[in-house]
Amino acid sequence: MDAPFCVQVKTRMQLERGKSSTGLLGAFQAIIKEEGAGRLYRGLVPPLLLEAPKRAVKFAANDFWGKTYMNFLGEKEMTQRLSVITGCSAGATESFVVVPFELVKIKLQDKSSTFAGPIDVVRHIVRKDGLLGLYAGMEATFWRHLWWNGGYFGSIFQVRAMLPKAQSPQGQLLNNFISGSIGGFIGTVINTPFDVVKSRIQGTAKVPGVVPKYNWTYPALITIFREEGAGALYKGFVPKVLRLAPGGGVLLLVVEFTLGIFRKALGPPYL
C-alpha cells in the first residue's frame, strides 16, 4: 500500500467514531467497494503541494532553533536534551505552514464530503468563516507537529550515537536511513493521538451557537479515551507509520545529501 492509499485510509479511520469495526485492509476495501478506487486519491493535491515547503521549513527551523539554543545555553555541541527541544520548536514553527493544507485535505477526504476539489473547499471556508477559517484546528496541529518533530529529531540523535561509526559513504547512508526510519516510527507513536484529535476537530462542521464536541486538544484526548477507549487514540496508526517510518529515513538521506552539496559549495562557516 503506497502513500496515497495510506493518507486516505488513515484519515477515514481517524474520523470514524466509536470502536473501529475495520482495520487497515477493511477500511481500504470498504472505500473501493462503496466509493470506487478513484476515491483513494481524493484530497491528495493539498499534501502534495505542501510537501516541499513543509520539509524546507522543518529543517530550516530545526537548524535555526538548534543554533539559537546552543548559543543561548553556551553549548558547543548538540545534546540529547537540546535535540528534543530543538525538534519540538521546529515542529511548532512548521505547524503554521501546514494548517490550511491539512484542513482542506480533511474536508475532501471525509466520507460525507461533496466538495468538487481543493478550491471549492477554500472558497466555502473563506465565504463562511473568513480567511482565519483556514486556520481551524491550529492548536491541535501545533501539538501534532511539536511532538512528532521532538520524537523524530531526538531519536535521530540518540540512534546515531548508538550505531557503529560508518566506515564508508555507503555505511553513512545506511546509518542515516536507519536513524531517520526509527525517528519516524517513534515520532508517529508519540503524535498519533494528537493527529486523531486534529482530524476530528478539522472534520467537524461548526454549528452556530453550539460548542463543538472536539474543540481543544487535551480535553478532546480525554473525551475520546473515555468514550472510545485508549485504542481509539491510535486509529490510523498502521497506515500512518507505514508512510512516515521509511519516509523519515528517506527524508534524512535527502536532507543530508543536500546539505553535503551546500557545505562543499559554501564552506563550513555557512552551514
Protein backbone atom coordinates (compact mmCIF):
# COMPACT_ATOMS: atom_id res chain seq x y z
CA MET A 1 0.00 0.00 0.00
CA ASP A 2 1.67 3.24 -1.15
CA ALA A 3 1.48 6.68 0.40
CA PRO A 4 -1.69 7.94 -1.40
CA PHE A 5 -3.69 4.98 -0.08
CA CYS A 6 -2.17 5.38 3.38
CA VAL A 7 -3.15 9.06 3.59
CA GLN A 8 -6.78 8.44 2.62
CA VAL A 9 -7.24 5.33 4.76
CA LYS A 10 -5.59 6.96 7.79
CA THR A 11 -7.93 9.94 7.63
CA ARG A 12 -11.02 7.74 7.27
CA MET A 13 -10.03 5.61 10.23
CA GLN A 14 -9.41 8.66 12.41
CA LEU A 15 -12.73 10.29 11.53
CA GLU A 16 -14.65 7.10 12.39
CA ARG A 17 -16.46 7.49 15.73
CA GLY A 18 -16.78 4.68 18.26
CA LYS A 19 -14.80 1.48 18.33
CA SER A 20 -13.28 0.61 14.97
CA SER A 21 -15.16 -2.06 13.09
CA THR A 22 -12.49 -2.43 10.42
CA GLY A 23 -8.74 -2.49 10.30
CA LEU A 24 -6.38 -1.19 7.66
CA LEU A 25 -7.37 -3.63 4.91
CA GLY A 26 -11.04 -3.45 5.87
CA ALA A 27 -11.08 0.33 5.54
CA PHE A 28 -9.17 0.12 2.27
CA GLN A 29 -11.60 -2.44 0.82
CA ALA A 30 -14.65 -0.53 2.05
CA ILE A 31 -13.57 2.66 0.26
CA ILE A 32 -13.08 0.82 -3.04
CA LYS A 33 -16.33 -1.15 -2.71
CA GLU A 34 -18.55 1.75 -1.69
CA GLU A 35 -16.95 4.70 -3.49
CA GLY A 36 -14.61 3.35 -6.14
CA ALA A 37 -10.82 3.21 -6.41
CA GLY A 38 -10.62 6.84 -7.52
CA ARG A 39 -11.72 7.95 -4.05
CA LEU A 40 -8.37 6.77 -2.69
CA TYR A 41 -6.73 9.70 -4.45
CA ARG A 42 -9.19 12.34 -3.31
CA GLY A 43 -7.66 15.13 -1.25
CA LEU A 44 -4.06 14.39 -2.24
CA VAL A 45 -3.39 17.69 -4.03
CA PRO A 46 -3.05 19.78 -0.81
CA PRO A 47 -0.45 17.49 0.85
CA LEU A 48 1.47 17.19 -2.41
CA LEU A 49 1.61 20.98 -2.78
CA LEU A 50 2.64 21.26 0.85
CA GLU A 51 5.43 18.68 0.80
CA ALA A 52 8.33 20.83 -0.43
CA PRO A 53 7.67 23.97 1.66
CA LYS A 54 6.89 21.88 4.74
CA ARG A 55 10.17 19.96 4.56
CA ALA A 56 12.12 23.15 3.87
CA VAL A 57 10.57 24.89 6.89
CA LYS A 58 11.09 21.81 9.08
CA PHE A 59 14.85 21.57 8.57
CA ALA A 60 15.48 25.30 8.29
CA ALA A 61 13.64 25.81 11.59
CA ASN A 62 15.46 22.88 13.20
CA ASP A 63 18.80 24.38 12.18
CA PHE A 64 17.79 27.86 13.36
CA TRP A 65 16.47 26.74 16.75
CA GLY A 66 19.40 24.39 17.27
CA LYS A 67 21.93 27.20 16.82
CA THR A 68 19.80 29.60 18.88
CA TYR A 69 19.53 27.25 21.87
CA MET A 70 23.19 26.26 21.74
CA ASN A 71 24.27 29.92 21.73
CA PHE A 72 21.81 30.81 24.49
CA LEU A 73 22.91 27.94 26.74
CA GLY A 74 26.60 28.19 25.87
CA GLU A 75 26.72 24.64 24.45
CA LYS A 76 29.35 23.84 21.83
CA GLU A 77 27.76 20.57 20.69
CA MET A 78 24.21 19.29 20.33
CA THR A 79 22.97 17.14 23.22
CA GLN A 80 20.06 14.74 23.57
CA ARG A 81 18.06 17.26 25.59
CA LEU A 82 18.73 20.04 23.09
CA SER A 83 17.86 17.84 20.11
CA VAL A 84 14.41 17.16 21.58
CA ILE A 85 13.77 20.82 22.42
CA THR A 86 15.04 21.89 19.01
CA GLY A 87 12.83 19.34 17.25
CA CYS A 88 9.76 20.45 19.20
CA SER A 89 10.45 24.09 18.30
CA ALA A 90 10.90 23.18 14.62
CA GLY A 91 7.61 21.30 14.67
CA ALA A 92 5.82 24.23 16.28
CA THR A 93 7.19 26.52 13.57
CA GLU A 94 6.24 24.08 10.81
CA SER A 95 2.64 23.83 12.05
CA PHE A 96 1.85 27.39 10.95
CA VAL A 97 2.59 26.45 7.34
CA VAL A 98 0.70 23.15 7.48
CA VAL A 99 -2.75 24.04 8.90
CA PRO A 100 -4.63 25.32 5.80
CA PHE A 101 -3.42 22.42 3.65
CA GLU A 102 -4.36 19.86 6.30
CA LEU A 103 -7.79 21.42 6.75
CA VAL A 104 -8.55 21.26 3.02
CA LYS A 105 -7.31 17.65 2.88
CA ILE A 106 -9.55 16.58 5.79
CA LYS A 107 -12.60 18.27 4.28
CA LEU A 108 -12.04 16.46 0.99
CA GLN A 109 -11.33 13.04 2.49
CA ASP A 110 -14.31 12.95 4.83
CA LYS A 111 -16.71 10.22 3.66
CA SER A 112 -19.60 12.69 3.52
CA SER A 113 -17.64 15.32 1.56
CA THR A 114 -19.36 16.75 -1.52
CA PHE A 115 -16.74 19.38 -2.37
CA ALA A 116 -15.67 19.50 -6.01
CA GLY A 117 -11.99 19.99 -5.15
CA PRO A 118 -9.47 21.99 -3.08
CA ILE A 119 -10.50 25.40 -4.50
CA ASP A 120 -14.13 24.66 -3.71
CA VAL A 121 -13.19 23.90 -0.09
CA VAL A 122 -11.17 27.12 0.24
CA ARG A 123 -13.98 29.23 -1.23
CA HIS A 124 -16.53 27.65 1.11
CA ILE A 125 -14.38 28.18 4.23
CA VAL A 126 -13.45 31.78 3.37
CA ARG A 127 -17.05 32.66 2.49
CA LYS A 128 -18.36 31.16 5.72
CA ASP A 129 -15.60 31.92 8.26
CA GLY A 130 -13.25 34.38 6.58
CA LEU A 131 -9.53 33.89 5.96
CA LEU A 132 -8.92 32.90 9.57
CA GLY A 133 -11.27 29.97 8.99
CA LEU A 134 -8.42 28.32 7.08
CA TYR A 135 -6.63 28.01 10.42
CA ALA A 136 -9.30 25.91 12.12
CA GLY A 137 -7.51 23.23 14.13
CA MET A 138 -4.36 25.34 14.53
CA GLU A 139 -3.90 24.43 18.18
CA ALA A 140 -4.21 20.69 17.53
CA THR A 141 -1.89 20.90 14.52
CA PHE A 142 0.63 22.77 16.68
CA TRP A 143 0.76 19.89 19.19
CA ARG A 144 0.80 17.22 16.47
CA HIS A 145 3.88 18.68 14.82
CA LEU A 146 5.60 19.67 18.02
CA TRP A 147 5.53 16.11 19.37
CA TRP A 148 6.34 14.37 16.07
CA ASN A 149 9.39 16.52 15.41
CA GLY A 150 10.55 16.28 19.01
CA GLY A 151 10.39 12.49 18.80
CA TYR A 152 11.93 12.41 15.32
CA PHE A 153 14.94 14.66 15.85
CA GLY A 154 15.51 13.47 19.42
CA SER A 155 15.53 9.84 18.30
CA ILE A 156 17.85 10.52 15.38
CA PHE A 157 20.42 11.99 17.75
CA GLN A 158 20.26 9.02 20.09
CA VAL A 159 20.19 6.30 17.41
CA ARG A 160 23.16 7.84 15.58
CA ALA A 161 25.13 7.74 18.84
CA MET A 162 24.28 4.05 19.32
CA LEU A 163 25.07 2.86 15.79
CA PRO A 164 28.60 1.73 14.84
CA LYS A 165 30.56 4.52 13.22
CA ALA A 166 30.30 4.34 9.43
CA GLN A 167 33.47 3.30 7.64
CA SER A 168 32.32 4.32 4.14
CA PRO A 169 29.87 6.67 2.39
CA GLN A 170 27.54 3.72 1.90
CA GLY A 171 27.72 2.95 5.60
CA GLN A 172 26.87 6.57 6.42
CA LEU A 173 23.85 6.40 4.11
CA LEU A 174 22.68 3.25 5.88
CA ASN A 175 23.13 4.83 9.29
CA ASN A 176 21.15 7.88 8.21
CA PHE A 177 18.35 5.75 6.82
CA ILE A 178 18.14 3.63 9.96
CA SER A 179 18.23 6.70 12.22
CA GLY A 180 15.57 8.52 10.21
CA SER A 181 13.30 5.47 9.99
CA ILE A 182 13.46 4.82 13.73
CA GLY A 183 12.91 8.53 14.33
CA GLY A 184 9.87 8.47 12.05
CA PHE A 185 8.47 5.45 13.90
CA ILE A 186 8.96 6.97 17.35
CA GLY A 187 7.60 10.34 16.24
CA THR A 188 4.49 8.59 14.92
CA VAL A 189 3.99 6.64 18.15
CA ILE A 190 4.13 9.87 20.14
CA ASN A 191 1.98 12.07 17.92
CA THR A 192 -0.78 9.78 16.60
CA PRO A 193 -3.25 10.66 19.41
CA PHE A 194 -2.77 14.32 18.54
CA ASP A 195 -3.31 13.53 14.87
CA VAL A 196 -6.60 11.78 15.68
CA VAL A 197 -7.77 14.83 17.62
CA LYS A 198 -6.70 17.18 14.82
CA SER A 199 -8.66 15.16 12.28
CA ARG A 200 -11.76 15.19 14.50
CA ILE A 201 -11.54 18.96 15.09
CA GLN A 202 -11.00 19.81 11.43
CA GLY A 203 -13.56 17.28 10.23
CA THR A 204 -16.40 18.59 12.41
CA ALA A 205 -18.69 21.17 10.83
CA LYS A 206 -19.28 24.22 13.02
CA VAL A 207 -22.87 24.87 14.09
CA PRO A 208 -23.66 28.44 15.21
CA GLY A 209 -24.35 28.61 18.93
CA VAL A 210 -23.16 25.05 19.57
CA VAL A 211 -19.87 24.31 21.31
CA PRO A 212 -18.03 21.64 19.26
CA LYS A 213 -17.55 18.28 20.94
CA TYR A 214 -13.88 18.34 19.94
CA ASN A 215 -12.61 21.85 20.48
CA TRP A 216 -9.26 21.85 22.31
CA THR A 217 -6.60 19.16 22.05
CA TYR A 218 -6.06 17.83 25.56
CA PRO A 219 -9.74 17.84 26.62
CA ALA A 220 -10.52 16.07 23.33
CA LEU A 221 -7.91 13.41 24.11
CA ILE A 222 -9.68 12.71 27.41
CA THR A 223 -13.11 12.63 25.71
CA ILE A 224 -12.01 10.11 23.09
CA PHE A 225 -10.28 7.98 25.73
CA ARG A 226 -13.39 7.90 27.94
CA GLU A 227 -15.90 7.27 25.17
CA GLU A 228 -13.96 5.01 22.81
CA GLY A 229 -11.05 3.60 24.79
CA ALA A 230 -7.29 4.01 24.50
CA GLY A 231 -7.20 2.20 21.16
CA ALA A 232 -9.21 4.99 19.53
CA LEU A 233 -6.32 7.38 20.12
CA TYR A 234 -4.28 5.24 17.74
CA LYS A 235 -6.77 4.99 14.92
CA GLY A 236 -4.94 5.16 11.60
CA PHE A 237 -1.60 4.32 13.21
CA VAL A 238 -0.72 1.47 10.83
CA PRO A 239 -1.15 3.37 7.54
CA LYS A 240 0.46 6.41 9.14
CA VAL A 241 3.57 4.55 10.34
CA LEU A 242 3.88 2.63 7.06
CA ARG A 243 4.33 6.01 5.39
CA LEU A 244 6.26 8.00 7.97
CA ALA A 245 8.77 5.46 9.30
CA PRO A 246 10.53 4.72 5.99
CA GLY A 247 9.65 8.26 4.89
CA GLY A 248 11.63 9.60 7.84
CA GLY A 249 14.65 7.59 6.69
CA VAL A 250 14.41 8.79 3.10
CA LEU A 251 13.86 12.36 4.28
CA LEU A 252 17.05 12.32 6.32
CA LEU A 253 19.01 10.90 3.37
CA VAL A 254 17.79 13.66 1.07
CA VAL A 255 18.49 16.41 3.61
CA GLU A 256 21.99 15.14 4.43
CA PHE A 257 22.80 14.79 0.72
CA THR A 258 21.57 18.35 0.03
CA LEU A 259 23.46 19.79 3.00
CA GLY A 260 26.60 17.98 1.83
CA ILE A 261 26.40 19.75 -1.52
CA PHE A 262 25.96 23.15 0.11
CA ARG A 263 28.80 22.51 2.58
CA LYS A 264 31.16 21.81 -0.30
CA ALA A 265 29.97 24.87 -2.22
CA LEU A 266 29.78 27.38 0.66
CA GLY A 267 32.16 26.00 3.25
CA PRO A 268 31.62 25.20 6.96
CA PRO A 269 31.06 28.80 8.17
CA TYR A 270 27.78 28.97 6.28
CA LEU A 271 26.25 25.67 7.47
